[in-house]
């Protein structure tokens, strides 16, 4: 879930997920665009990426965001 904590509506937000292995090596990434998130509103999002053939317990995920408009 992402929340717009500003007092302004956003037209477009890019959300990116970076997947790292336990050694800190980037092994996968993906992104999505979320449109029309109002001021102080929240919305769910999904980021699709290829499946990995390793245990999820060994992964770290970092979510980045960028307001496009």
Protein backbone atom coordinates (compact mmCIF):
# COMPACT_ATOMS: atom_id res chain seq x y z
CA UNK A 1 0.00 0.00 0.00
CA UNK A 2 1.17 3.51 -0.79
CA UNK A 3 -0.10 6.67 0.91
CA UNK A 4 0.04 10.22 -0.45
CA UNK A 5 0.90 12.21 2.69
CA UNK A 6 1.05 15.52 0.84
CA UNK A 7 -1.80 17.99 0.62
CA UNK A 8 -1.86 17.76 -3.19
CA UNK A 9 -3.36 15.21 -5.56
CA UNK A 10 -0.89 13.33 -7.74
CA UNK A 11 -1.67 12.33 -11.30
CA UNK A 12 1.01 9.67 -11.68
CA UNK A 13 3.46 7.89 -9.33
CA UNK A 14 6.09 5.35 -10.40
CA UNK A 15 6.74 2.60 -7.84
CA UNK A 16 9.79 0.36 -8.28
CA UNK A 17 10.79 -2.77 -6.39
CA UNK A 18 14.40 -3.92 -6.16
CA UNK A 19 15.06 -7.50 -5.01
CA UNK A 20 18.42 -8.30 -3.40
CA UNK A 21 19.89 -11.64 -2.34
CA UNK A 22 21.36 -12.12 1.15
CA UNK A 23 24.77 -10.87 -0.09
CA UNK A 24 23.20 -7.61 -1.28
CA UNK A 25 23.39 -8.40 -5.01
CA UNK A 26 20.51 -7.04 -7.11
CA UNK A 27 18.79 -10.07 -8.65
CA UNK A 28 15.46 -8.72 -9.92
CA UNK A 29 13.52 -5.48 -10.38
CA UNK A 30 10.15 -4.29 -11.57
CA UNK A 31 7.96 -1.21 -11.58
CA UNK A 32 4.39 -0.02 -11.95
CA UNK A 33 2.58 3.28 -12.41
CA UNK A 34 -0.17 4.33 -10.00
CA UNK A 35 -2.52 6.99 -11.38
CA UNK A 36 -4.69 9.58 -9.61
CA UNK A 37 -3.78 9.26 -5.94
CA UNK A 38 -5.58 12.01 -4.06
CA UNK A 39 -4.16 14.05 -1.20
CA UNK A 40 -3.96 12.01 2.03
CA UNK A 41 -5.33 8.93 0.22
CA UNK A 42 -3.94 5.37 0.10
CA UNK A 43 -4.08 2.69 -2.57
CA UNK A 44 -2.81 -0.85 -3.07
CA UNK A 45 -0.39 -1.68 -5.86
CA UNK A 46 1.16 -4.73 -7.51
CA UNK A 47 4.55 -5.03 -9.16
CA UNK A 48 4.94 -8.06 -11.39
CA UNK A 49 8.34 -9.61 -12.15
CA UNK A 50 9.68 -13.00 -13.22
CA UNK A 51 9.64 -15.75 -10.61
CA UNK A 52 12.88 -16.50 -8.79
CA UNK A 53 14.02 -20.04 -8.05
CA UNK A 54 15.23 -19.26 -4.51
CA UNK A 55 13.70 -19.07 -1.05
CA UNK A 56 11.89 -15.83 -0.29
CA UNK A 57 13.42 -15.89 3.19
CA UNK A 58 16.80 -15.04 1.66
CA UNK A 59 15.63 -11.88 -0.10
CA UNK A 60 15.49 -8.19 0.77
CA UNK A 61 13.03 -5.87 -1.00
CA UNK A 62 13.45 -2.12 -1.44
CA UNK A 63 10.53 -0.02 -2.72
CA UNK A 64 11.30 3.31 -4.40
CA UNK A 65 8.82 5.96 -5.54
CA UNK A 66 8.87 8.89 -7.93
CA UNK A 67 6.11 11.43 -8.53
CA UNK A 68 5.81 11.80 -12.30
CA UNK A 69 3.01 14.41 -12.29
